[in-house]
Amino acid sequence: MQGKTLTKADIVDAIYEQGQRSRAEVKNIVEDMLDIMRDSIKKDYALLISGFGKFEAYDKEPRKGRNPQTEEAITLPGRTVVVFRLSRRFRAELNPRE
């Protein structure tokens, strides 16, 4: 089952609708939170949100590849990738045992 993708604007709207802050304040708070998350992943290569999951960054080594148009062998450069792992509690909520 697929639903609508939740966007940053949707998050701002949901918090704003609780009626405690202006839309501009909510937008700034969400932006600040995302900046903190982004900086944490860049600096520490990990971000743990209890009960939700863990974001982890790791470096991938350069690898061999090929150009699909010319079939020429090339070396793809190393890069940093981010993965997300659900917490056990959240995974259990998504997949309840019947």
Protein backbone atom coordinates (compact mmCIF):
# COMPACT_ATOMS: atom_id res chain seq x y z
CA MET A 1 0.00 0.00 0.00
CA GLN A 2 1.49 3.31 -1.04
CA GLY A 3 0.38 6.71 0.08
CA LYS A 4 1.32 10.28 -0.55
CA THR A 5 4.93 11.22 0.14
CA LEU A 6 5.23 13.39 3.25
CA THR A 7 7.14 16.57 2.47
CA LYS A 8 8.83 19.17 4.64
CA ALA A 9 5.92 21.51 3.91
CA ASP A 10 3.48 18.82 5.12
CA ILE A 11 5.41 18.53 8.38
CA VAL A 12 5.31 22.31 8.84
CA ASP A 13 1.56 22.35 8.13
CA ALA A 14 0.84 19.50 10.57
CA ILE A 15 2.71 21.25 13.39
CA TYR A 16 1.21 24.65 12.51
CA GLU A 17 -2.32 23.21 12.64
CA GLN A 18 -1.81 22.44 16.32
CA GLY A 19 -2.17 26.21 16.72
CA GLN A 20 0.65 26.96 19.13
CA ARG A 21 3.08 28.81 16.83
CA SER A 22 3.08 30.86 13.65
CA ARG A 23 3.82 29.12 10.35
CA ALA A 24 7.11 31.04 10.07
CA GLU A 25 8.21 29.89 13.55
CA VAL A 26 7.32 26.29 12.75
CA LYS A 27 9.19 26.46 9.44
CA ASN A 28 12.30 27.81 11.21
CA ILE A 29 12.13 25.08 13.86
CA VAL A 30 11.81 22.34 11.23
CA GLU A 31 14.70 23.84 9.23
CA ASP A 32 16.83 24.04 12.39
CA MET A 33 16.05 20.44 13.28
CA LEU A 34 16.99 19.24 9.80
CA ASP A 35 20.22 21.27 9.93
CA ILE A 36 21.12 19.63 13.24
CA MET A 37 20.38 16.19 11.79
CA ARG A 38 22.39 16.93 8.63
CA ASP A 39 25.37 18.26 10.61
CA SER A 40 25.32 15.26 12.94
CA ILE A 41 25.43 12.80 10.06
CA LYS A 42 28.22 14.74 8.36
CA LYS A 43 30.30 15.05 11.55
CA ASP A 44 29.63 11.81 13.44
CA TYR A 45 28.48 9.61 10.55
CA ALA A 46 25.50 8.58 12.68
CA LEU A 47 22.23 9.93 14.05
CA LEU A 48 20.10 7.91 16.47
CA ILE A 49 16.49 8.86 17.14
CA SER A 50 15.22 6.56 19.90
CA GLY A 51 12.07 4.69 19.00
CA PHE A 52 12.42 5.69 15.33
CA GLY A 53 15.71 4.54 13.87
CA LYS A 54 19.33 5.28 13.08
CA PHE A 55 20.87 7.09 10.14
CA GLU A 56 24.41 5.95 9.39
CA ALA A 57 26.85 7.22 6.81
CA TYR A 58 29.71 5.16 5.49
CA ASP A 59 32.37 5.51 2.84
CA LYS A 60 32.21 3.26 -0.20
CA GLU A 61 35.47 2.34 -1.88
CA PRO A 62 36.10 3.15 -5.54
CA ARG A 63 34.87 0.30 -7.75
CA LYS A 64 35.09 -0.98 -11.27
CA GLY A 65 32.28 -0.20 -13.66
CA ARG A 66 31.67 0.25 -17.35
CA ASN A 67 30.21 2.86 -19.63
CA PRO A 68 27.03 1.23 -20.99
CA GLN A 69 27.25 3.14 -24.28
CA THR A 70 30.87 2.30 -25.13
CA GLU A 71 31.40 -0.80 -22.96
CA GLU A 72 34.63 0.92 -21.79
CA ALA A 73 35.87 -0.16 -18.35
CA ILE A 74 36.01 2.73 -15.88
CA THR A 75 36.70 3.24 -12.20
CA LEU A 76 33.82 4.79 -10.29
CA PRO A 77 35.03 7.10 -7.51
CA GLY A 78 34.46 6.38 -3.83
CA ARG A 79 31.58 8.16 -2.14
CA THR A 80 29.74 8.51 1.12
CA VAL A 81 26.28 6.96 1.38
CA VAL A 82 23.64 7.17 4.11
CA VAL A 83 21.45 4.26 5.20
CA PHE A 84 18.50 4.21 7.60
CA ARG A 85 17.71 1.34 9.93
CA LEU A 86 14.39 1.17 11.76
CA SER A 87 14.37 0.73 15.51
CA ARG A 88 13.01 -2.58 16.77
CA ARG A 89 10.04 -0.84 18.33
CA PHE A 90 9.09 0.99 15.12
CA ARG A 91 9.60 -2.18 13.06
CA ALA A 92 7.23 -4.00 15.45
CA GLU A 93 4.63 -1.23 14.99
CA LEU A 94 4.89 -1.57 11.20
CA ASN A 95 4.71 -5.37 11.28
CA PRO A 96 2.43 -6.36 14.17
CA ARG A 97 2.15 -10.06 14.88
CA GLU A 98 -1.37 -11.33 14.60
